[in-house]
């Protein structure tokens, strides 16, 4: 059984006991989060496809850790003008262990 969920403007495939790296979520390490924007739910029978989401379908997970990605370099330049700017960026993320997928009755 798996589900396609949406969080942070992106879609992820969620399966029980799998760790997902999603955009930063509020909450402490060890707290439970619920994703109710379930787009697709694959059960033992036929898949359920939402339009756009499946009502009463919930994916529950536990926050494993908060961290930041590796640094990327942002560089701007205008040729022949002596204009150069360098900046770095590190995006925050949250790792979530999927614990349960609840299908609608």
PDB file of N, CA and C in Angstrom:
ATOM      1  N   UNK A   1       0.838  -1.173   0.000  1.00  0.00           N
ATOM      2  CA  UNK A   1       0.000   0.000   0.000  1.00  0.00           C
ATOM      3  C   UNK A   1       0.886   1.240   0.000  1.00  0.00           C
ATOM      4  N   UNK A   2       0.537   2.199  -0.849  1.00  0.00           N
ATOM      5  CA  UNK A   2       1.259   3.458  -0.850  1.00  0.00           C
ATOM      6  C   UNK A   2       0.296   4.582  -1.186  1.00  0.00           C
ATOM      7  N   UNK A   3       0.754   5.806  -0.969  1.00  0.00           N
ATOM      8  CA  UNK A   3      -0.071   6.979  -1.241  1.00  0.00           C
ATOM      9  C   UNK A   3       0.809   8.061  -1.850  1.00  0.00           C
ATOM     10  N   UNK A   4       0.212   8.895  -2.673  1.00  0.00           N
ATOM     11  CA  UNK A   4       0.877  10.082  -3.189  1.00  0.00           C
ATOM     12  C   UNK A   4       0.313  11.265  -2.400  1.00  0.00           C
ATOM     13  N   UNK A   5       1.194  11.945  -1.644  1.00  0.00           N
ATOM     14  CA  UNK A   5       0.754  13.065  -0.818  1.00  0.00           C
ATOM     15  C   UNK A   5       1.376  14.346  -1.337  1.00  0.00           C
ATOM     16  N   UNK A   6       0.769  15.473  -0.960  1.00  0.00           N
ATOM     17  CA  UNK A   6       1.310  16.772  -1.341  1.00  0.00           C
ATOM     18  C   UNK A   6       1.588  17.578  -0.081  1.00  0.00           C
ATOM     19  N   UNK A   7       2.797  18.114   0.002  1.00  0.00           N
ATOM     20  CA  UNK A   7       3.172  19.001   1.091  1.00  0.00           C
ATOM     21  C   UNK A   7       4.267  19.927   0.596  1.00  0.00           C
ATOM     22  N   UNK A   8       4.190  21.171   0.971  1.00  0.00           N
ATOM     23  CA  UNK A   8       5.191  22.137   0.563  1.00  0.00           C
ATOM     24  C   UNK A   8       5.215  22.397  -0.930  1.00  0.00           C
ATOM     25  N   UNK A   9       4.082  22.192  -1.615  1.00  0.00           N
ATOM     26  CA  UNK A   9       4.026  22.418  -3.046  1.00  0.00           C
ATOM     27  C   UNK A   9       4.632  21.311  -3.888  1.00  0.00           C
ATOM     28  N   UNK A  10       5.006  20.201  -3.254  1.00  0.00           N
ATOM     29  CA  UNK A  10       5.597  19.075  -3.979  1.00  0.00           C
ATOM     30  C   UNK A  10       4.821  17.804  -3.646  1.00  0.00           C
ATOM     31  N   UNK A  11       4.946  16.806  -4.504  1.00  0.00           N
ATOM     32  CA  UNK A  11       4.269  15.531  -4.277  1.00  0.00           C
ATOM     33  C   UNK A  11       5.290  14.451  -3.973  1.00  0.00           C
ATOM     34  N   UNK A  12       4.929  13.553  -3.033  1.00  0.00           N
ATOM     35  CA  UNK A  12       5.826  12.494  -2.583  1.00  0.00           C
ATOM     36  C   UNK A  12       5.078  11.175  -2.545  1.00  0.00           C
ATOM     37  N   UNK A  13       5.801  10.090  -2.799  1.00  0.00           N
ATOM     38  CA  UNK A  13       5.241   8.748  -2.657  1.00  0.00           C
ATOM     39  C   UNK A  13       5.530   8.282  -1.238  1.00  0.00           C
ATOM     40  N   UNK A  14       4.476   8.014  -0.480  1.00  0.00           N
ATOM     41  CA  UNK A  14       4.604   7.638   0.927  1.00  0.00           C
ATOM     42  C   UNK A  14       4.235   6.175   1.107  1.00  0.00           C
ATOM     43  N   UNK A  15       5.125   5.424   1.746  1.00  0.00           N
ATOM     44  CA  UNK A  15       4.883   4.037   2.104  1.00  0.00           C
ATOM     45  C   UNK A  15       5.188   3.879   3.586  1.00  0.00           C
ATOM     46  N   UNK A  16       4.545   2.931   4.272  1.00  0.00           N
ATOM     47  CA  UNK A  16       4.827   2.746   5.699  1.00  0.00           C
ATOM     48  C   UNK A  16       6.305   2.417   5.943  1.00  0.00           C
ATOM     49  N   UNK A  17       6.866   3.011   7.003  1.00  0.00           N
ATOM     50  CA  UNK A  17       8.242   2.818   7.464  1.00  0.00           C
ATOM     51  C   UNK A  17       9.289   3.399   6.509  1.00  0.00           C
ATOM     52  N   UNK A  18       8.890   4.254   5.579  1.00  0.00           N
ATOM     53  CA  UNK A  18       9.828   4.922   4.682  1.00  0.00           C
ATOM     54  C   UNK A  18      10.062   6.336   5.198  1.00  0.00           C
ATOM     55  N   UNK A  19      11.309   6.812   5.117  1.00  0.00           N
ATOM     56  CA  UNK A  19      11.639   8.162   5.566  1.00  0.00           C
ATOM     57  C   UNK A  19      11.635   9.094   4.355  1.00  0.00           C
ATOM     58  N   UNK A  20      10.814  10.156   4.441  1.00  0.00           N
ATOM     59  CA  UNK A  20      10.721  11.154   3.385  1.00  0.00           C
ATOM     60  C   UNK A  20      11.422  12.429   3.814  1.00  0.00           C
ATOM     61  N   UNK A  21      12.052  13.100   2.882  1.00  0.00           N
ATOM     62  CA  UNK A  21      12.671  14.402   3.133  1.00  0.00           C
ATOM     63  C   UNK A  21      11.790  15.446   2.467  1.00  0.00           C
ATOM     64  N   UNK A  22      11.027  16.187   3.290  1.00  0.00           N
ATOM     65  CA  UNK A  22      10.052  17.150   2.785  1.00  0.00           C
ATOM     66  C   UNK A  22      10.467  18.558   3.191  1.00  0.00           C
ATOM     67  N   UNK A  23       9.759  19.566   2.655  1.00  0.00           N
ATOM     68  CA  UNK A  23      10.005  20.946   3.048  1.00  0.00           C
ATOM     69  C   UNK A  23       9.778  21.094   4.550  1.00  0.00           C
ATOM     70  N   UNK A  24      10.372  22.099   5.155  1.00  0.00           N
ATOM     71  CA  UNK A  24      10.327  22.279   6.605  1.00  0.00           C
ATOM     72  C   UNK A  24       8.898  22.304   7.131  1.00  0.00           C
ATOM     73  N   UNK A  25       8.672  21.552   8.197  1.00  0.00           N
ATOM     74  CA  UNK A  25       7.375  21.485   8.856  1.00  0.00           C
ATOM     75  C   UNK A  25       7.511  21.980  10.286  1.00  0.00           C
ATOM     76  N   UNK A  26       6.465  22.588  10.836  1.00  0.00           N
ATOM     77  CA  UNK A  26       6.518  22.968  12.252  1.00  0.00           C
ATOM     78  C   UNK A  26       6.369  21.736  13.127  1.00  0.00           C
ATOM     79  N   UNK A  27       6.973  21.761  14.297  1.00  0.00           N
ATOM     80  CA  UNK A  27       6.879  20.642  15.226  1.00  0.00           C
ATOM     81  C   UNK A  27       8.247  20.194  15.692  1.00  0.00           C
ATOM     82  N   UNK A  28       8.254  19.534  16.838  1.00  0.00           N
ATOM     83  CA  UNK A  28       9.493  19.033  17.418  1.00  0.00           C
ATOM     84  C   UNK A  28       9.776  17.621  16.932  1.00  0.00           C
ATOM     85  N   UNK A  29      11.018  17.198  17.128  1.00  0.00           N
ATOM     86  CA  UNK A  29      11.407  15.838  16.773  1.00  0.00           C
ATOM     87  C   UNK A  29      10.611  14.872  17.641  1.00  0.00           C
ATOM     88  N   UNK A  30      10.021  13.862  17.008  1.00  0.00           N
ATOM     89  CA  UNK A  30       9.213  12.885  17.719  1.00  0.00           C
ATOM     90  C   UNK A  30       7.723  13.182  17.668  1.00  0.00           C
ATOM     91  N   UNK A  31       7.333  14.375  17.240  1.00  0.00           N
ATOM     92  CA  UNK A  31       5.908  14.689  17.180  1.00  0.00           C
ATOM     93  C   UNK A  31       5.287  14.083  15.918  1.00  0.00           C
ATOM     94  N   UNK A  32       3.975  13.926  15.962  1.00  0.00           N
ATOM     95  CA  UNK A  32       3.227  13.290  14.880  1.00  0.00           C
ATOM     96  C   UNK A  32       2.686  14.372  13.945  1.00  0.00           C
ATOM     97  N   UNK A  33       2.821  14.147  12.641  1.00  0.00           N
ATOM     98  CA  UNK A  33       2.251  15.046  11.637  1.00  0.00           C
ATOM     99  C   UNK A  33       1.269  14.245  10.783  1.00  0.00           C
ATOM    100  N   UNK A  34       0.238  14.934  10.308  1.00  0.00           N
ATOM    101  CA  UNK A  34      -0.752  14.309   9.447  1.00  0.00           C
ATOM    102  C   UNK A  34      -0.788  15.030   8.108  1.00  0.00           C
ATOM    103  N   UNK A  35      -0.768  14.268   7.047  1.00  0.00           N
ATOM    104  CA  UNK A  35      -0.882  14.805   5.694  1.00  0.00           C
ATOM    105  C   UNK A  35      -2.261  14.414   5.179  1.00  0.00           C
ATOM    106  N   UNK A  36      -3.140  15.407   4.993  1.00  0.00           N
ATOM    107  CA  UNK A  36      -4.489  15.100   4.531  1.00  0.00           C
ATOM    108  C   UNK A  36      -4.692  15.407   3.048  1.00  0.00           C
ATOM    109  N   UNK A  37      -3.679  15.953   2.395  1.00  0.00           N
ATOM    110  CA  UNK A  37      -3.756  16.199   0.951  1.00  0.00           C
ATOM    111  C   UNK A  37      -3.238  14.956   0.220  1.00  0.00           C
ATOM    112  N   UNK A  38      -4.070  13.913   0.198  1.00  0.00           N
ATOM    113  CA  UNK A  38      -3.709  12.644  -0.435  1.00  0.00           C
ATOM    114  C   UNK A  38      -4.263  12.668  -1.855  1.00  0.00           C
ATOM    115  N   UNK A  39      -3.378  12.580  -2.838  1.00  0.00           N
ATOM    116  CA  UNK A  39      -3.766  12.648  -4.245  1.00  0.00           C
ATOM    117  C   UNK A  39      -4.150  11.283  -4.815  1.00  0.00           C
ATOM    118  N   UNK A  40      -3.440  10.238  -4.399  1.00  0.00           N
ATOM    119  CA  UNK A  40      -3.685   8.896  -4.910  1.00  0.00           C
ATOM    120  C   UNK A  40      -3.451   7.915  -3.784  1.00  0.00           C
ATOM    121  N   UNK A  41      -4.245   6.854  -3.756  1.00  0.00           N
ATOM    122  CA  UNK A  41      -4.112   5.836  -2.720  1.00  0.00           C
ATOM    123  C   UNK A  41      -4.171   4.476  -3.383  1.00  0.00           C
ATOM    124  N   UNK A  42      -3.076   3.742  -3.340  1.00  0.00           N
ATOM    125  CA  UNK A  42      -3.008   2.403  -3.937  1.00  0.00           C
ATOM    126  C   UNK A  42      -3.209   1.391  -2.824  1.00  0.00           C
ATOM    127  N   UNK A  43      -4.323   0.670  -2.885  1.00  0.00           N
ATOM    128  CA  UNK A  43      -4.610  -0.375  -1.898  1.00  0.00           C
ATOM    129  C   UNK A  43      -4.436  -1.729  -2.572  1.00  0.00           C
ATOM    130  N   UNK A  44      -4.900  -2.785  -1.902  1.00  0.00           N
ATOM    131  CA  UNK A  44      -4.807  -4.125  -2.489  1.00  0.00           C
ATOM    132  C   UNK A  44      -5.707  -4.252  -3.720  1.00  0.00           C
ATOM    133  N   UNK A  45      -6.806  -3.489  -3.716  1.00  0.00           N
ATOM    134  CA  UNK A  45      -7.692  -3.483  -4.874  1.00  0.00           C
ATOM    135  C   UNK A  45      -7.231  -2.394  -5.844  1.00  0.00           C
ATOM    136  N   UNK A  46      -8.172  -1.792  -6.528  1.00  0.00           N
ATOM    137  CA  UNK A  46      -7.854  -0.748  -7.518  1.00  0.00           C
ATOM    138  C   UNK A  46      -7.409   0.531  -6.811  1.00  0.00           C
ATOM    139  N   UNK A  47      -6.623   1.356  -7.479  1.00  0.00           N
ATOM    140  CA  UNK A  47      -6.194   2.615  -6.862  1.00  0.00           C
ATOM    141  C   UNK A  47      -7.347   3.612  -6.773  1.00  0.00           C
ATOM    142  N   UNK A  48      -7.311   4.458  -5.724  1.00  0.00           N
ATOM    143  CA  UNK A  48      -8.268   5.551  -5.567  1.00  0.00           C
ATOM    144  C   UNK A  48      -7.571   6.828  -6.015  1.00  0.00           C
ATOM    145  N   UNK A  49      -8.170   7.532  -6.958  1.00  0.00           N
ATOM    146  CA  UNK A  49      -7.589   8.759  -7.472  1.00  0.00           C
ATOM    147  C   UNK A  49      -8.476   9.918  -7.048  1.00  0.00           C
ATOM    148  N   UNK A  50      -7.870  10.930  -6.435  1.00  0.00           N
ATOM    149  CA  UNK A  50      -8.630  12.076  -5.972  1.00  0.00           C
ATOM    150  C   UNK A  50      -8.844  13.093  -7.072  1.00  0.00           C
ATOM    151  N   UNK A  51      -9.824  13.969  -6.823  1.00  0.00           N
ATOM    152  CA  UNK A  51     -10.065  15.045  -7.785  1.00  0.00           C
ATOM    153  C   UNK A  51     -10.341  16.344  -7.045  1.00  0.00           C
ATOM    154  N   UNK A  52      -9.383  17.063  -6.521  1.00  0.00           N
ATOM    155  CA  UNK A  52      -7.941  16.795  -6.581  1.00  0.00           C
ATOM    156  C   UNK A  52      -7.432  15.934  -5.428  1.00  0.00           C
ATOM    157  N   UNK A  53      -8.169  15.868  -4.282  1.00  0.00           N
ATOM    158  CA  UNK A  53      -7.688  15.041  -3.170  1.00  0.00           C
ATOM    159  C   UNK A  53      -8.763  14.031  -2.784  1.00  0.00           C
ATOM    160  N   UNK A  54      -8.357  13.012  -2.029  1.00  0.00           N
ATOM    161  CA  UNK A  54      -9.277  11.987  -1.556  1.00  0.00           C
ATOM    162  C   UNK A  54      -9.769  12.400  -0.175  1.00  0.00           C
ATOM    163  N   UNK A  55     -11.093  12.616  -0.004  1.00  0.00           N
ATOM    164  CA  UNK A  55     -11.585  13.007   1.321  1.00  0.00           C
ATOM    165  C   UNK A  55     -11.444  11.863   2.329  1.00  0.00           C
ATOM    166  N   UNK A  56     -11.195  12.185   3.561  1.00  0.00           N
ATOM    167  CA  UNK A  56     -11.021  11.272   4.699  1.00  0.00           C
ATOM    168  C   UNK A  56      -9.804  10.362   4.589  1.00  0.00           C
ATOM    169  N   UNK A  57      -8.935  10.567   3.628  1.00  0.00           N
ATOM    170  CA  UNK A  57      -7.690   9.799   3.554  1.00  0.00           C
ATOM    171  C   UNK A  57      -6.602  10.595   4.261  1.00  0.00           C
ATOM    172  N   UNK A  58      -5.847   9.917   5.133  1.00  0.00           N
ATOM    173  CA  UNK A  58      -4.832  10.584   5.938  1.00  0.00           C
ATOM    174  C   UNK A  58      -3.573   9.725   5.954  1.00  0.00           C
ATOM    175  N   UNK A  59      -2.432  10.377   5.858  1.00  0.00           N
ATOM    176  CA  UNK A  59      -1.140   9.714   6.017  1.00  0.00           C
ATOM    177  C   UNK A  59      -0.492  10.312   7.262  1.00  0.00           C
ATOM    178  N   UNK A  60      -0.135   9.454   8.218  1.00  0.00           N
ATOM    179  CA  UNK A  60       0.473   9.912   9.464  1.00  0.00           C
ATOM    180  C   UNK A  60       1.957   9.583   9.467  1.00  0.00           C
ATOM    181  N   UNK A  61       2.728  10.489  10.061  1.00  0.00           N
ATOM    182  CA  UNK A  61       4.164  10.295  10.141  1.00  0.00           C
ATOM    183  C   UNK A  61       4.732  10.895  11.400  1.00  0.00           C
ATOM    184  N   UNK A  62       5.974  10.541  11.685  1.00  0.00           N
ATOM    185  CA  UNK A  62       6.683  11.032  12.862  1.00  0.00           C
ATOM    186  C   UNK A  62       7.907  11.811  12.395  1.00  0.00           C
ATOM    187  N   UNK A  63       8.112  12.985  12.984  1.00  0.00           N
ATOM    188  CA  UNK A  63       9.257  13.805  12.610  1.00  0.00           C
ATOM    189  C   UNK A  63      10.524  13.173  13.162  1.00  0.00           C
ATOM    190  N   UNK A  64      11.471  12.897  12.272  1.00  0.00           N
ATOM    191  CA  UNK A  64      12.739  12.269  12.660  1.00  0.00           C
ATOM    192  C   UNK A  64      13.784  13.336  12.971  1.00  0.00           C
ATOM    193  N   UNK A  65      13.922  14.344  12.084  1.00  0.00           N
ATOM    194  CA  UNK A  65      14.884  15.409  12.337  1.00  0.00           C
ATOM    195  C   UNK A  65      14.617  16.603  11.434  1.00  0.00           C
ATOM    196  N   UNK A  66      15.138  17.747  11.867  1.00  0.00           N
ATOM    197  CA  UNK A  66      15.148  18.972  11.077  1.00  0.00           C
ATOM    198  C   UNK A  66      16.605  19.261  10.718  1.00  0.00           C
ATOM    199  N   UNK A  67      16.848  19.688   9.499  1.00  0.00           N
ATOM    200  CA  UNK A  67      18.218  19.994   9.086  1.00  0.00           C
ATOM    201  C   UNK A  67      18.174  20.927   7.882  1.00  0.00           C
ATOM    202  N   UNK A  68      19.347  21.187   7.319  1.00  0.00           N
ATOM    203  CA  UNK A  68      19.466  22.016   6.129  1.00  0.00           C
ATOM    204  C   UNK A  68      20.302  21.290   5.091  1.00  0.00           C
ATOM    205  N   UNK A  69      19.998  21.542   3.816  1.00  0.00           N
ATOM    206  CA  UNK A  69      20.705  20.877   2.729  1.00  0.00           C
ATOM    207  C   UNK A  69      22.110  21.446   2.572  1.00  0.00           C
ATOM    208  N   UNK A  70      22.872  20.876   1.655  1.00  0.00           N
ATOM    209  CA  UNK A  70      24.196  21.398   1.361  1.00  0.00           C
ATOM    210  C   UNK A  70      24.083  22.774   0.754  1.00  0.00           C
ATOM    211  N   UNK A  71      25.131  23.558   0.887  1.00  0.00           N
ATOM    212  CA  UNK A  71      25.129  24.929   0.392  1.00  0.00           C
ATOM    213  C   UNK A  71      25.236  24.957  -1.128  1.00  0.00           C
ATOM    214  N   UNK A  72      24.459  25.856  -1.728  1.00  0.00           N
ATOM    215  CA  UNK A  72      24.596  26.098  -3.158  1.00  0.00           C
ATOM    216  C   UNK A  72      25.085  27.527  -3.347  1.00  0.00           C
ATOM    217  N   UNK A  73      25.742  27.790  -4.445  1.00  0.00           N
ATOM    218  CA  UNK A  73      26.278  29.126  -4.719  1.00  0.00           C
ATOM    219  C   UNK A  73      25.393  29.808  -5.751  1.00  0.00           C
ATOM    220  N   UNK A  74      24.966  31.022  -5.425  1.00  0.00           N
ATOM    221  CA  UNK A  74      24.179  31.849  -6.339  1.00  0.00           C
ATOM    222  C   UNK A  74      25.109  32.957  -6.814  1.00  0.00           C
ATOM    223  N   UNK A  75      25.328  33.046  -8.121  1.00  0.00           N
ATOM    224  CA  UNK A  75      26.286  33.999  -8.677  1.00  0.00           C
ATOM    225  C   UNK A  75      25.604  34.832  -9.738  1.00  0.00           C
ATOM    226  N   UNK A  76      25.701  36.152  -9.618  1.00  0.00           N
ATOM    227  CA  UNK A  76      25.158  37.083 -10.610  1.00  0.00           C
ATOM    228  C   UNK A  76      26.307  37.871 -11.224  1.00  0.00           C
ATOM    229  N   UNK A  77      26.198  38.136 -12.518  1.00  0.00           N
ATOM    230  CA  UNK A  77      27.247  38.892 -13.194  1.00  0.00           C
ATOM    231  C   UNK A  77      26.644  39.623 -14.378  1.00  0.00           C
ATOM    232  N   UNK A  78      27.110  40.849 -14.593  1.00  0.00           N
ATOM    233  CA  UNK A  78      26.774  41.586 -15.807  1.00  0.00           C
ATOM    234  C   UNK A  78      28.076  41.833 -16.555  1.00  0.00           C
ATOM    235  N   UNK A  79      28.142  41.367 -17.751  1.00  0.00           N
ATOM    236  CA  UNK A  79      29.402  41.436 -18.475  1.00  0.00           C
ATOM    237  C   UNK A  79      29.803  42.880 -18.778  1.00  0.00           C
ATOM    238  N   UNK A  80      31.097  43.088 -18.727  1.00  0.00           N
ATOM    239  CA  UNK A  80      31.740  44.368 -19.046  1.00  0.00           C
ATOM    240  C   UNK A  80      31.330  45.516 -18.124  1.00  0.00           C
ATOM    241  N   UNK A  81      30.668  45.260 -17.009  1.00  0.00           N
ATOM    242  CA  UNK A  81      30.236  46.329 -16.114  1.00  0.00           C
ATOM    243  C   UNK A  81      30.896  46.251 -14.736  1.00  0.00           C
ATOM    244  N   UNK A  82      31.661  45.221 -14.492  1.00  0.00           N
ATOM    245  CA  UNK A  82      32.311  45.071 -13.198  1.00  0.00           C
ATOM    246  C   UNK A  82      31.344  44.669 -12.087  1.00  0.00           C
ATOM    247  N   UNK A  83      30.168  44.135 -12.435  1.00  0.00           N
ATOM    248  CA  UNK A  83      29.153  43.763 -11.453  1.00  0.00           C
ATOM    249  C   UNK A  83      29.208  42.269 -11.212  1.00  0.00           C
ATOM    250  N   UNK A  84      29.560  41.872  -9.984  1.00  0.00           N
ATOM    251  CA  UNK A  84      29.586  40.459  -9.596  1.00  0.00           C
ATOM    252  C   UNK A  84      29.060  40.346  -8.178  1.00  0.00           C
ATOM    253  N   UNK A  85      28.147  39.428  -7.940  1.00  0.00           N
ATOM    254  CA  UNK A  85      27.601  39.182  -6.603  1.00  0.00           C
ATOM    255  C   UNK A  85      27.571  37.681  -6.372  1.00  0.00           C
ATOM    256  N   UNK A  86      28.056  37.255  -5.229  1.00  0.00           N
ATOM    257  CA  UNK A  86      28.037  35.846  -4.858  1.00  0.00           C
ATOM    258  C   UNK A  86      27.276  35.707  -3.554  1.00  0.00           C
ATOM    259  N   UNK A  87      26.398  34.756  -3.527  1.00  0.00           N
ATOM    260  CA  UNK A  87      25.584  34.511  -2.343  1.00  0.00           C
ATOM    261  C   UNK A  87      25.394  33.011  -2.196  1.00  0.00           C
ATOM    262  N   UNK A  88      25.255  32.521  -0.988  1.00  0.00           N
ATOM    263  CA  UNK A  88      25.004  31.108  -0.743  1.00  0.00           C
ATOM    264  C   UNK A  88      23.593  30.906  -0.230  1.00  0.00           C
ATOM    265  N   UNK A  89      23.101  29.667  -0.333  1.00  0.00           N
ATOM    266  CA  UNK A  89      21.761  29.348   0.154  1.00  0.00           C
ATOM    267  C   UNK A  89      21.731  27.909   0.655  1.00  0.00           C
ATOM    268  N   UNK A  90      21.095  27.717   1.812  1.00  0.00           N
ATOM    269  CA  UNK A  90      20.865  26.377   2.344  1.00  0.00           C
ATOM    270  C   UNK A  90      19.384  26.258   2.675  1.00  0.00           C
ATOM    271  N   UNK A  91      18.710  25.328   2.029  1.00  0.00           N
ATOM    272  CA  UNK A  91      17.274  25.139   2.220  1.00  0.00           C
ATOM    273  C   UNK A  91      17.033  24.217   3.407  1.00  0.00           C
ATOM    274  N   UNK A  92      16.100  24.594   4.260  1.00  0.00           N
ATOM    275  CA  UNK A  92      15.741  23.745   5.397  1.00  0.00           C
ATOM    276  C   UNK A  92      14.823  22.616   4.971  1.00  0.00           C
ATOM    277  N   UNK A  93      14.913  21.475   5.665  1.00  0.00           N
ATOM    278  CA  UNK A  93      14.030  20.347   5.378  1.00  0.00           C
ATOM    279  C   UNK A  93      13.720  19.604   6.664  1.00  0.00           C
ATOM    280  N   UNK A  94      12.717  18.744   6.583  1.00  0.00           N
ATOM    281  CA  UNK A  94      12.310  17.895   7.693  1.00  0.00           C
ATOM    282  C   UNK A  94      12.256  16.467   7.188  1.00  0.00           C
ATOM    283  N   UNK A  95      12.820  15.540   7.954  1.00  0.00           N
ATOM    284  CA  UNK A  95      12.708  14.129   7.620  1.00  0.00           C
ATOM    285  C   UNK A  95      11.553  13.540   8.428  1.00  0.00           C
ATOM    286  N   UNK A  96      10.656  12.840   7.726  1.00  0.00           N
ATOM    287  CA  UNK A  96       9.457  12.275   8.333  1.00  0.00           C
ATOM    288  C   UNK A  96       9.422  10.784   8.054  1.00  0.00           C
ATOM    289  N   UNK A  97       9.218   9.981   9.106  1.00  0.00           N
ATOM    290  CA  UNK A  97       9.031   8.531   8.932  1.00  0.00           C
ATOM    291  C   UNK A  97       7.525   8.276   8.860  1.00  0.00           C
ATOM    292  N   UNK A  98       7.062   7.700   7.767  1.00  0.00           N
ATOM    293  CA  UNK A  98       5.647   7.418   7.580  1.00  0.00           C
ATOM    294  C   UNK A  98       5.290   6.227   8.469  1.00  0.00           C
ATOM    295  N   UNK A  99       4.268   6.411   9.307  1.00  0.00           N
ATOM    296  CA  UNK A  99       3.878   5.357  10.239  1.00  0.00           C
ATOM    297  C   UNK A  99       2.601   4.652   9.826  1.00  0.00           C
ATOM    298  N   UNK A 100       1.671   5.397   9.204  1.00  0.00           N
ATOM    299  CA  UNK A 100       0.364   4.808   8.943  1.00  0.00           C
ATOM    300  C   UNK A 100      -0.304   5.507   7.757  1.00  0.00           C
ATOM    301  N   UNK A 101      -1.005   4.708   6.949  1.00  0.00           N
ATOM    302  CA  UNK A 101      -1.815   5.238   5.853  1.00  0.00           C
ATOM    303  C   UNK A 101      -3.250   4.806   6.124  1.00  0.00           C
ATOM    304  N   UNK A 102      -4.142   5.781   6.267  1.00  0.00           N
ATOM    305  CA  UNK A 102      -5.535   5.511   6.594  1.00  0.00           C
ATOM    306  C   UNK A 102      -6.384   5.780   5.362  1.00  0.00           C
ATOM    307  N   UNK A 103      -7.046   4.736   4.877  1.00  0.00           N
ATOM    308  CA  UNK A 103      -7.903   4.858   3.704  1.00  0.00           C
ATOM    309  C   UNK A 103      -9.319   5.209   4.141  1.00  0.00           C
ATOM    310  N   UNK A 104     -10.077   5.913   3.302  1.00  0.00           N
ATOM    311  CA  UNK A 104     -11.453   6.232   3.665  1.00  0.00           C
ATOM    312  C   UNK A 104     -12.314   4.956   3.706  1.00  0.00           C
ATOM    313  N   UNK A 105     -13.331   4.988   4.557  1.00  0.00           N
ATOM    314  CA  UNK A 105     -14.179   3.802   4.721  1.00  0.00           C
ATOM    315  C   UNK A 105     -15.153   3.615   3.577  1.00  0.00           C
TER     316      UNK A 105
END
